[in-house]
Protein backbone atom coordinates (compact mmCIF):
# COMPACT_ATOMS: atom_id res chain seq x y z
CA MET A 1 -0.51 -0.12 0.00
CA THR A 2 0.97 3.38 -0.75
CA ARG A 3 1.74 5.98 2.26
CA THR A 4 0.58 9.51 1.58
CA VAL A 5 1.37 12.81 3.77
CA CYS A 6 -0.63 16.17 3.46
CA LEU A 7 1.86 19.02 2.97
CA PRO A 8 1.04 22.46 3.15
CA ILE A 9 0.94 24.25 0.20
CA ALA A 10 0.15 28.04 -0.48
CA VAL A 11 -2.27 29.67 1.87
CA ALA A 12 -4.59 27.29 2.99
CA ALA A 13 -4.45 24.54 0.96
CA LEU A 14 -3.84 20.63 1.15
CA ALA A 15 -2.39 18.36 -1.27
CA CYS A 16 -2.06 14.76 -0.41
CA ILE A 17 0.77 13.50 -2.18
CA PRO A 18 2.12 9.81 -2.55
CA LEU A 19 5.35 9.34 0.04
CA ALA A 20 6.94 6.95 -2.80
CA THR A 21 6.76 10.36 -5.21
CA ILE A 22 8.27 12.40 -2.59
CA ALA A 23 11.18 9.80 -2.40
CA GLN A 24 12.19 10.01 -6.35
CA PRO A 25 12.93 12.71 -8.13
CA LEU A 26 10.95 13.75 -10.91
CA ASP A 27 12.29 13.24 -14.77
CA THR A 28 11.82 16.74 -16.04
CA PRO A 29 13.26 16.68 -20.30
CA GLY A 30 15.18 19.84 -20.42
CA VAL A 31 15.48 20.27 -16.55
CA THR A 32 17.06 17.01 -14.79
CA SER A 33 18.89 16.19 -18.14
CA PRO A 34 19.27 18.07 -21.56
CA LEU A 35 16.11 16.94 -23.79
CA THR A 36 16.84 14.47 -26.58
CA ALA A 37 17.43 14.19 -30.54
CA ALA A 38 14.13 12.18 -29.97
CA GLN A 39 11.85 14.80 -28.05
CA ILE A 40 13.06 18.03 -30.49
CA ALA A 41 11.86 15.98 -32.76
CA ARG A 42 8.41 15.51 -31.50
CA GLU A 43 7.83 18.82 -30.94
CA ASN A 44 8.99 19.79 -34.28
CA PRO A 45 7.02 18.29 -37.44
CA PRO A 46 9.04 17.83 -40.21
CA ASN A 47 6.97 19.25 -43.06
CA ALA A 48 5.64 22.71 -42.98
CA LEU A 49 1.83 24.09 -43.46
CA THR A 50 1.78 26.88 -46.12
CA GLY A 51 -0.85 28.61 -48.09
CA ALA A 52 -3.89 30.53 -46.59
CA ALA A 53 -7.26 29.10 -45.05
CA VAL A 54 -9.33 32.20 -46.72
CA ASP A 55 -8.37 33.35 -50.15
CA LYS A 56 -11.28 35.42 -51.50
CA PRO A 57 -13.75 36.85 -48.86
CA VAL A 58 -16.30 34.52 -47.21
CA VAL A 59 -20.04 35.26 -45.55
CA LEU A 60 -20.01 32.96 -43.09
CA LYS A 61 -23.18 33.36 -40.02
CA SER A 62 -22.34 31.93 -36.28
CA ALA A 63 -24.69 30.03 -34.67
CA GLY A 64 -26.40 33.11 -32.96
CA GLY A 65 -27.41 34.04 -36.55
CA VAL A 66 -24.64 37.25 -36.91
CA SER A 67 -23.89 37.18 -40.17
CA VAL A 68 -20.05 38.69 -40.77
CA ARG A 69 -18.13 38.73 -43.65
CA VAL A 70 -14.35 37.68 -43.99
CA VAL A 71 -11.65 39.36 -45.29
CA LYS A 72 -7.90 38.16 -44.93
CA LEU A 73 -5.75 40.97 -44.76
CA ALA A 74 -2.37 39.00 -44.12
CA GLU A 75 -0.78 35.62 -44.66
CA GLY A 76 2.31 33.82 -44.48
CA LEU A 77 2.42 34.61 -41.01
CA SER A 78 4.30 31.62 -38.33
CA HIS A 79 1.96 30.78 -35.57
CA PRO A 80 1.16 34.66 -34.92
CA ASP A 81 -0.18 35.17 -31.45
CA GLY A 82 -0.70 39.16 -29.94
CA LEU A 83 -2.06 42.06 -32.30
CA VAL A 84 -2.18 45.73 -31.21
CA PHE A 85 -3.44 49.22 -33.02
CA LEU A 86 -0.88 51.21 -33.19
CA PRO A 87 -2.59 55.49 -32.08
CA ASP A 88 -1.84 56.53 -35.79
CA GLY A 89 -5.13 55.01 -37.06
CA HIS A 90 -2.69 53.00 -39.87
CA THR A 91 -0.20 50.59 -38.62
CA MET A 92 -0.70 47.08 -36.71
CA LEU A 93 1.51 45.18 -34.81
CA ILE A 94 2.00 41.57 -34.72
CA THR A 95 4.03 38.70 -32.92
CA GLU A 96 5.05 35.24 -34.55
CA ARG A 97 6.75 32.66 -32.44
CA ALA A 98 9.54 32.63 -34.17
CA GLY A 99 10.89 35.68 -32.28
CA ARG A 100 9.70 38.37 -35.17
CA LEU A 101 7.43 41.16 -35.08
CA ARG A 102 5.83 42.60 -37.96
CA VAL A 103 4.22 45.45 -39.25
CA VAL A 104 0.99 45.84 -41.14
CA LYS A 105 0.01 49.37 -42.65
CA ASP A 106 -2.85 50.27 -44.29
CA GLY A 107 -3.92 46.80 -45.01
CA MET A 108 -0.56 45.52 -45.80
CA LEU A 109 2.19 43.01 -44.52
CA ASP A 110 5.56 44.77 -44.50
CA PRO A 111 7.94 41.62 -45.48
CA THR A 112 10.18 43.32 -43.02
CA PRO A 113 10.39 42.76 -39.77
CA VAL A 114 10.73 45.16 -36.90
CA SER A 115 15.20 45.22 -35.97
CA GLY A 116 16.05 45.01 -32.30
CA LEU A 117 14.15 42.67 -30.22
CA PRO A 118 15.86 40.92 -27.44
CA ASP A 119 17.32 37.57 -27.54
CA MET A 120 15.12 34.71 -26.69
CA ASP A 121 14.61 30.85 -26.81
CA HIS A 122 13.04 28.71 -29.67
CA VAL A 123 12.86 25.41 -28.26
CA GLU A 124 9.13 23.84 -29.01
CA LEU A 125 6.14 26.54 -27.82
CA GLY A 126 9.05 29.09 -27.39
CA GLY A 127 9.85 32.68 -28.50
CA LEU A 128 7.99 35.54 -28.80
CA GLN A 129 4.86 35.33 -27.60
CA ASN A 130 2.88 38.87 -26.82
CA VAL A 131 2.58 42.67 -27.73
CA VAL A 132 1.03 45.19 -25.34
CA LEU A 133 1.46 48.93 -25.94
CA HIS A 134 1.97 51.59 -22.87
CA PRO A 135 -1.01 53.56 -22.21
CA ASP A 136 0.91 56.51 -23.17
CA PHE A 137 2.40 55.23 -26.16
CA ALA A 138 1.48 57.86 -28.36
CA LYS A 139 4.18 60.38 -26.65
CA ASN A 140 6.93 57.45 -25.03
CA HIS A 141 6.57 54.99 -28.01
CA PHE A 142 6.86 52.53 -24.92
CA LEU A 143 5.56 48.62 -25.84
CA TYR A 144 6.35 45.67 -24.02
CA LEU A 145 7.15 42.21 -25.13
CA SER A 146 6.43 38.91 -23.31
CA TYR A 147 8.87 35.71 -24.11
CA SER A 148 11.11 32.70 -23.51
CA LYS A 149 14.56 32.55 -22.15
CA ASN A 150 17.28 30.43 -21.44
CA ARG A 151 20.34 30.53 -18.77
CA LEU A 152 22.52 28.49 -20.85
CA PRO A 153 24.68 26.56 -19.77
CA GLN A 154 22.09 25.94 -17.02
CA LEU A 155 19.10 23.62 -17.97
CA GLY A 156 15.30 25.40 -17.84
CA THR A 157 13.78 28.21 -19.33
CA THR A 158 11.33 31.17 -18.38
CA LEU A 159 9.14 33.89 -19.09
CA ALA A 160 10.46 36.98 -19.22
CA VAL A 161 9.25 40.72 -20.41
CA ALA A 162 11.05 43.57 -22.12
CA ARG A 163 10.15 47.20 -22.87
CA ALA A 164 11.23 48.88 -25.70
CA ARG A 165 10.58 52.06 -27.64
CA TYR A 166 9.09 51.85 -31.07
CA ASP A 167 10.34 53.95 -34.05
CA GLN A 168 9.46 53.40 -37.45
CA GLY A 169 10.50 49.80 -38.22
CA ARG A 170 12.87 49.24 -35.09
CA LEU A 171 13.30 48.67 -31.40
CA THR A 172 15.29 51.02 -29.82
CA ASP A 173 15.97 51.46 -25.20
CA VAL A 174 15.24 47.83 -24.76
CA LYS A 175 14.85 46.50 -21.36
CA GLU A 176 14.26 43.61 -19.58
CA ILE A 177 12.29 44.12 -16.98
CA LEU A 178 11.35 41.15 -15.85
CA VAL A 179 12.70 37.85 -15.33
CA THR A 180 9.62 35.44 -13.91
CA GLU A 181 10.49 32.85 -11.07
CA ALA A 182 9.33 29.84 -13.99
CA TRP A 183 12.55 28.15 -14.86
CA GLU A 184 11.11 24.73 -16.50
CA SER A 185 10.85 22.37 -19.08
CA PRO A 186 11.58 24.09 -22.31
CA LEU A 187 8.50 22.03 -23.34
CA GLY A 188 6.28 23.70 -21.05
CA THR A 189 4.15 26.27 -22.20
CA TYR A 190 4.82 30.17 -20.69
CA GLY A 191 1.59 32.20 -20.88
CA GLY A 192 2.38 35.27 -21.42
CA ARG A 193 -0.38 37.47 -22.29
CA MET A 194 -0.18 40.90 -21.44
CA ILE A 195 -3.02 43.63 -20.77
CA PHE A 196 -2.71 46.85 -19.10
CA GLY A 197 -5.34 47.60 -16.53
CA PRO A 198 -7.53 50.86 -16.11
CA ASP A 199 -5.45 51.14 -12.53
CA GLY A 200 -2.41 51.63 -15.47
CA MET A 201 -0.59 48.55 -14.13
CA LEU A 202 0.90 45.93 -16.58
CA TYR A 203 -0.47 42.27 -16.50
CA ILE A 204 0.84 39.40 -16.96
CA SER A 205 0.07 36.06 -17.12
CA VAL A 206 2.70 32.93 -16.36
CA GLY A 207 1.75 29.55 -17.67
CA ASP A 208 1.79 26.03 -16.21
CA ARG A 209 5.90 25.42 -17.46
CA ASP A 210 5.04 21.63 -17.49
CA GLY A 211 6.72 19.46 -19.72
CA THR A 212 5.18 16.28 -18.78
CA THR A 213 1.58 16.73 -19.37
CA HIS A 214 1.43 13.10 -20.46
CA ASN A 215 2.35 11.92 -16.90
CA ASP A 216 0.39 11.95 -13.53
CA VAL A 217 2.97 13.59 -11.66
CA SER A 218 4.62 16.38 -12.34
CA SER A 219 7.61 19.11 -10.58
CA ALA A 220 5.89 22.19 -12.49
CA ARG A 221 1.91 21.39 -11.51
CA PRO A 222 2.24 21.97 -7.78
CA GLN A 223 3.98 25.34 -8.20
CA ALA A 224 0.66 26.99 -9.23
CA GLN A 225 -0.23 26.53 -5.81
CA SER A 226 2.83 27.95 -4.21
CA LEU A 227 3.68 32.05 -3.66
CA ALA A 228 7.23 31.10 -4.12
CA SER A 229 6.77 30.76 -7.62
CA HIS A 230 5.51 32.58 -10.83
CA ILE A 231 4.34 29.57 -12.49
CA GLY A 232 0.24 29.61 -12.99
CA LYS A 233 0.42 33.13 -11.69
CA ILE A 234 -1.46 36.59 -13.22
CA LEU A 235 1.34 39.23 -12.03
CA ARG A 236 0.66 42.62 -11.98
CA VAL A 237 3.29 45.16 -12.44
CA ARG A 238 4.00 48.77 -12.49
CA ASP A 239 5.64 49.97 -16.34
CA ASP A 240 9.23 49.43 -15.20
CA GLY A 241 8.41 46.03 -13.81
CA SER A 242 8.68 47.02 -10.27
CA ILE A 243 6.27 45.66 -7.85
CA PRO A 244 3.36 48.16 -6.29
CA ALA A 245 2.79 48.34 -3.02
CA ASP A 246 -0.86 47.31 -2.93
CA ASN A 247 0.09 43.84 -4.24
CA PRO A 248 -1.99 41.11 -2.34
CA PHE A 249 0.86 39.51 -1.37
CA VAL A 250 3.92 42.31 -1.08
CA LYS A 251 4.43 42.26 2.75
CA ASP A 252 4.66 38.55 2.84
CA ALA A 253 8.60 37.52 2.55
CA LYS A 254 7.99 34.22 1.39
CA ALA A 255 5.86 35.18 -1.42
CA LYS A 256 6.83 36.80 -4.82
CA GLY A 257 5.71 40.23 -4.58
CA GLU A 258 4.63 40.57 -8.20
CA ILE A 259 1.47 37.76 -7.68
CA TYR A 260 -2.16 39.36 -8.32
CA SER A 261 -3.72 35.21 -8.19
CA TYR A 262 -2.56 31.94 -8.48
CA GLY A 263 -3.74 28.71 -8.86
CA HIS A 264 -3.94 29.25 -12.99
CA ARG A 265 -3.06 26.32 -15.21
CA ASN A 266 -2.62 28.49 -18.58
CA VAL A 267 -4.66 32.17 -18.66
CA TYR A 268 -4.70 33.06 -22.35
CA GLY A 269 -7.13 35.90 -22.28
CA ILE A 270 -7.71 38.90 -20.07
CA ALA A 271 -10.26 41.28 -20.27
CA TRP A 272 -11.96 43.84 -18.30
CA ASP A 273 -15.59 44.29 -18.65
CA PRO A 274 -16.16 48.29 -19.52
CA LYS A 275 -19.45 48.61 -17.87
CA THR A 276 -18.19 47.27 -14.17
CA GLY A 277 -14.39 47.85 -14.51
CA LYS A 278 -14.06 43.90 -13.38
CA MET A 279 -11.34 41.91 -14.62
CA TRP A 280 -12.31 38.70 -16.21
CA THR A 281 -9.96 35.78 -17.72
CA SER A 282 -10.33 32.95 -19.67
CA GLU A 283 -8.06 29.64 -18.35
CA PHE A 284 -6.86 26.88 -20.81
CA GLY A 285 -7.36 23.68 -19.16
CA PRO A 286 -6.05 20.27 -19.65
CA ALA A 287 -7.72 17.77 -21.28
CA GLY A 288 -11.18 19.19 -20.81
CA GLY A 289 -11.96 21.73 -18.04
CA ASP A 290 -11.27 24.86 -19.50
CA GLU A 291 -12.32 27.90 -17.32
CA ILE A 292 -13.56 31.44 -17.68
CA ASN A 293 -13.12 33.28 -14.15
CA ARG A 294 -13.87 36.75 -12.70
CA GLU A 295 -10.31 37.80 -11.30
CA LEU A 296 -9.70 39.16 -7.90
CA PRO A 297 -6.61 39.87 -6.31
CA GLY A 298 -4.95 37.45 -4.04
CA HIS A 299 -7.44 34.59 -4.75
CA ASN A 300 -6.70 31.39 -5.69
CA TYR A 301 -8.57 29.66 -8.85
CA GLY A 302 -7.28 25.60 -7.88
CA TRP A 303 -5.01 24.11 -10.03
CA PRO A 304 -4.21 21.13 -9.86
CA LEU A 305 -6.08 20.45 -6.74
CA VAL A 306 -9.47 21.63 -8.52
CA SER A 307 -9.89 20.66 -12.16
CA LEU A 308 -12.71 19.95 -13.84
CA GLY A 309 -10.10 18.48 -17.13
CA ARG A 310 -8.18 15.52 -17.00
CA ASN A 311 -4.74 14.87 -17.08
CA TYR A 312 -3.26 13.64 -20.82
CA SER A 313 -2.73 10.30 -19.48
CA GLY A 314 -6.43 10.05 -19.13
CA HIS A 315 -6.80 10.37 -15.30
CA LEU A 316 -8.53 12.95 -13.31
CA VAL A 317 -6.06 16.09 -12.48
CA SER A 318 -8.03 16.23 -9.23
CA ASP A 319 -9.38 13.81 -6.64
CA GLN A 320 -11.91 16.82 -5.61
CA PRO A 321 -12.98 18.18 -9.29
CA TRP A 322 -15.46 20.56 -8.61
CA HIS A 323 -14.96 22.49 -5.08
CA ARG A 324 -12.17 22.94 -2.38
CA ASP A 325 -13.02 25.38 0.10
CA GLY A 326 -10.62 29.04 0.22
CA MET A 327 -10.45 28.41 -4.00
CA ASP A 328 -12.79 30.01 -6.20
CA ASP A 329 -14.87 27.94 -9.23
CA PRO A 330 -15.07 29.10 -12.35
CA VAL A 331 -17.63 31.07 -13.40
CA TYR A 332 -18.13 29.11 -16.74
CA PHE A 333 -16.42 26.25 -17.72
CA TRP A 334 -16.16 24.06 -21.25
CA ASN A 335 -16.64 19.92 -20.98
CA PRO A 336 -15.64 18.68 -23.45
CA THR A 337 -13.08 21.32 -24.48
CA PHE A 338 -13.04 24.76 -26.11
CA ASN A 339 -9.68 25.83 -26.04
CA PRO A 340 -10.18 29.27 -24.95
CA GLU A 341 -7.16 32.07 -26.17
CA ASN A 342 -7.41 35.62 -25.81
CA MET A 343 -10.99 37.13 -25.96
CA ILE A 344 -12.19 40.67 -25.65
CA PHE A 345 -15.78 42.48 -24.64
CA TYR A 346 -16.79 43.99 -28.14
CA THR A 347 -18.01 47.51 -27.66
CA GLY A 348 -18.13 49.19 -31.57
CA ASP A 349 -20.76 49.62 -33.49
CA LYS A 350 -20.24 47.33 -36.17
CA PHE A 351 -21.89 44.54 -34.73
CA PRO A 352 -25.20 45.55 -32.50
CA ARG A 353 -25.90 42.18 -31.72
CA LEU A 354 -22.36 41.59 -30.65
CA LYS A 355 -22.29 44.77 -28.62
CA GLY A 356 -21.40 44.19 -25.21
CA SER A 357 -20.51 40.31 -25.14
CA LEU A 358 -17.50 38.83 -24.09
CA LEU A 359 -15.73 37.30 -27.21
CA VAL A 360 -13.55 34.47 -26.64
CA ALA A 361 -10.96 33.19 -29.87
CA GLY A 362 -10.71 29.49 -29.74
CA ALA A 363 -8.20 26.57 -30.73
CA THR A 364 -10.66 24.39 -31.11
CA LYS A 365 -11.28 25.90 -34.46
CA LYS A 366 -14.19 28.77 -33.46
CA ILE A 367 -15.07 31.86 -31.87
CA ALA A 368 -17.68 31.81 -28.81
CA GLN A 369 -20.07 34.70 -28.28
CA MET A 370 -20.32 34.97 -24.06
CA VAL A 371 -23.02 36.56 -22.35
CA ILE A 372 -22.71 37.43 -19.09
CA ARG A 373 -25.45 38.09 -16.72
CA ASP A 374 -24.86 39.53 -13.23
CA ASP A 375 -21.38 39.00 -12.89
CA ASP A 376 -21.69 35.46 -11.79
CA PHE A 377 -23.40 33.84 -14.75
CA ILE A 378 -22.43 33.12 -18.36
CA MET A 379 -24.81 31.56 -21.47
CA MET A 380 -23.09 31.10 -24.85
CA GLY A 381 -24.50 33.17 -27.19
CA GLY A 382 -22.99 31.15 -30.17
CA THR A 383 -20.34 30.58 -31.97
CA MET A 384 -18.99 31.41 -35.35
CA LEU A 385 -16.40 30.68 -38.18
CA GLN A 386 -15.27 27.17 -37.06
CA GLU A 387 -16.29 26.78 -41.22
CA LEU A 388 -12.44 28.43 -41.72
CA ASN A 389 -10.96 25.00 -39.64
CA VAL A 390 -8.12 27.18 -38.13
CA ARG A 391 -6.91 28.05 -34.87
CA PHE A 392 -7.68 30.90 -33.53
CA ARG A 393 -4.97 32.90 -31.16
CA ASP A 394 -5.45 36.45 -31.03
CA ILE A 395 -8.78 38.74 -31.04
CA ALA A 396 -9.13 42.30 -31.44
CA GLN A 397 -11.27 45.02 -31.95
CA SER A 398 -10.62 47.65 -33.82
CA PRO A 399 -10.62 51.66 -32.67
CA ASP A 400 -13.40 52.32 -35.91
CA GLY A 401 -15.31 48.78 -34.28
CA TYR A 402 -14.28 46.01 -36.99
CA ILE A 403 -12.92 43.00 -35.30
CA TYR A 404 -9.73 41.09 -36.23
CA VAL A 405 -8.35 37.53 -35.40
CA LEU A 406 -5.05 35.86 -35.89
CA THR A 407 -5.16 32.19 -37.01
CA GLU A 408 -2.96 28.96 -37.08
CA GLY A 409 -3.59 26.06 -38.44
CA ARG A 410 -2.12 23.68 -35.58
CA LEU A 411 -0.39 24.38 -32.37
CA ARG A 412 3.32 23.17 -33.26
CA GLY A 413 5.35 23.79 -36.61
CA PRO A 414 8.35 26.07 -35.85
CA LYS A 415 8.42 26.02 -40.11
CA ASP A 416 4.84 26.63 -40.88
CA THR A 417 3.59 30.04 -42.38
CA ASP A 418 0.00 29.55 -42.60
CA GLY A 419 -0.84 31.95 -40.20
CA MET A 420 -3.13 34.53 -41.15
CA LEU A 421 -4.64 37.84 -40.18
CA LEU A 422 -8.37 38.47 -40.97
CA ARG A 423 -10.90 41.49 -40.32
CA LEU A 424 -14.38 40.56 -39.48
CA GLU A 425 -16.59 43.15 -41.22
CA PRO A 426 -20.89 43.54 -41.37
CA VAL A 427 -22.29 42.04 -44.45
CA ALA A 428 -24.55 45.28 -44.54
CA ALA A 429 -21.85 46.91 -45.30
CA SER A 430 -19.50 44.42 -47.49
CA ALA A 431 -20.39 46.07 -51.13
CA VAL A 432 -18.74 49.71 -50.04
CA ALA A 433 -15.79 48.00 -48.19
CA SER A 434 -14.91 46.16 -51.09
CA GLU A 435 -14.87 49.01 -53.34
CA ARG A 436 -12.93 51.15 -51.01
CA ASP A 437 -10.13 48.83 -49.59
CA ASN A 438 -10.04 46.78 -52.52
CA ARG A 439 -10.82 49.19 -55.35
CA GLY A 440 -13.49 46.52 -56.80
CA ALA A 441 -11.07 43.76 -56.60
CA LEU A 442 -13.23 41.39 -54.97
CA SER A 443 -16.98 40.76 -55.61
CA PRO A 444 -19.36 42.13 -53.20
CA ALA A 445 -21.03 39.56 -50.59
CA THR A 446 -25.20 39.05 -50.69
CA PRO A 447 -26.59 40.39 -47.28
CA ASP A 448 -28.76 37.66 -45.72
């Protein structure tokens, strides 16, 4: 019979761990030993996905009855993940996991990437993650990049954040403002979603960093419950990377002061409800158990002690999948999986039936419209774009109210160039948009 011992983890949680597991060191690829050629090959498919799933504009209708016209603005991207609009009204910046920051100006992709990016690690899902603009970008030209970082000759990788000035296709004054305490396997995910809150603080998600997802035990997974680690957390820092005095754990000498909330797996979406000022996150679960949470400072969201999903081995993540006292339950969860990525509250006028909804990009090849009621109840309003058969990595609203999405064909494939930037337009305005933006080269769509 295997004996177990209950160890205190974080604030008030208890985890029962087999003594045999404690006695035996865990083999974590890329941490306890270098990655093997076979492990690297598994994460790097020999073939490359090319081409674009969308050629000409196409009209699609959501499950809720909203018609949208899908227009491809850029193709040939490699696993794009982050998108921002510059205040000049003409320019967008897009991150590619391969370590490139791309410029789209007046609907055209510049073939030359932005220069001056920091060095980063490119093993498996490593590379450039996200980009966000400083709230005062129009004056200071500051932007922020999240990316993976190694510490060779030591093993392990982590998530880092750099601040830089953007000027006409190049970065200057590049400064690494945060290196997270999340040194784990290069095979693990990084998170890296960033957003400036209404309080002017920079919020950063740090992933579960788990390089042994097919095993029931992991060196990374329990760290989501440890306040001494940045793994599985949302961090809150000032624009220079320093720790705000009002962070929830700043007075705890054993805790990382940057931590805002903990007990997360992989938070890939962060958004503030403009009506209530409240913060919401989407969390990418294991096999099932994806979540939407209302984020509160200092709260514990349960991973891995509470999860409605299963490990990739097929076994339950937790023996208490529904609830533990002292941990927040999700406001909404998907089972089977949805794989939520970034999300936005749509506030524009181009799609009246979507206004006020939470739109969630999904790696299960669809976008979900969520309707929030009374802060503690969410309804699925419908899904859209599943006909395109692509993974949606980011979703953003432009200042003029259009919706933009970034896509990829699969999760892994460092040589893939099938990523796209798509714009969603209302069907009623499609004929006018076609003539204005494409000078009559595209046939206008037919309104429903």
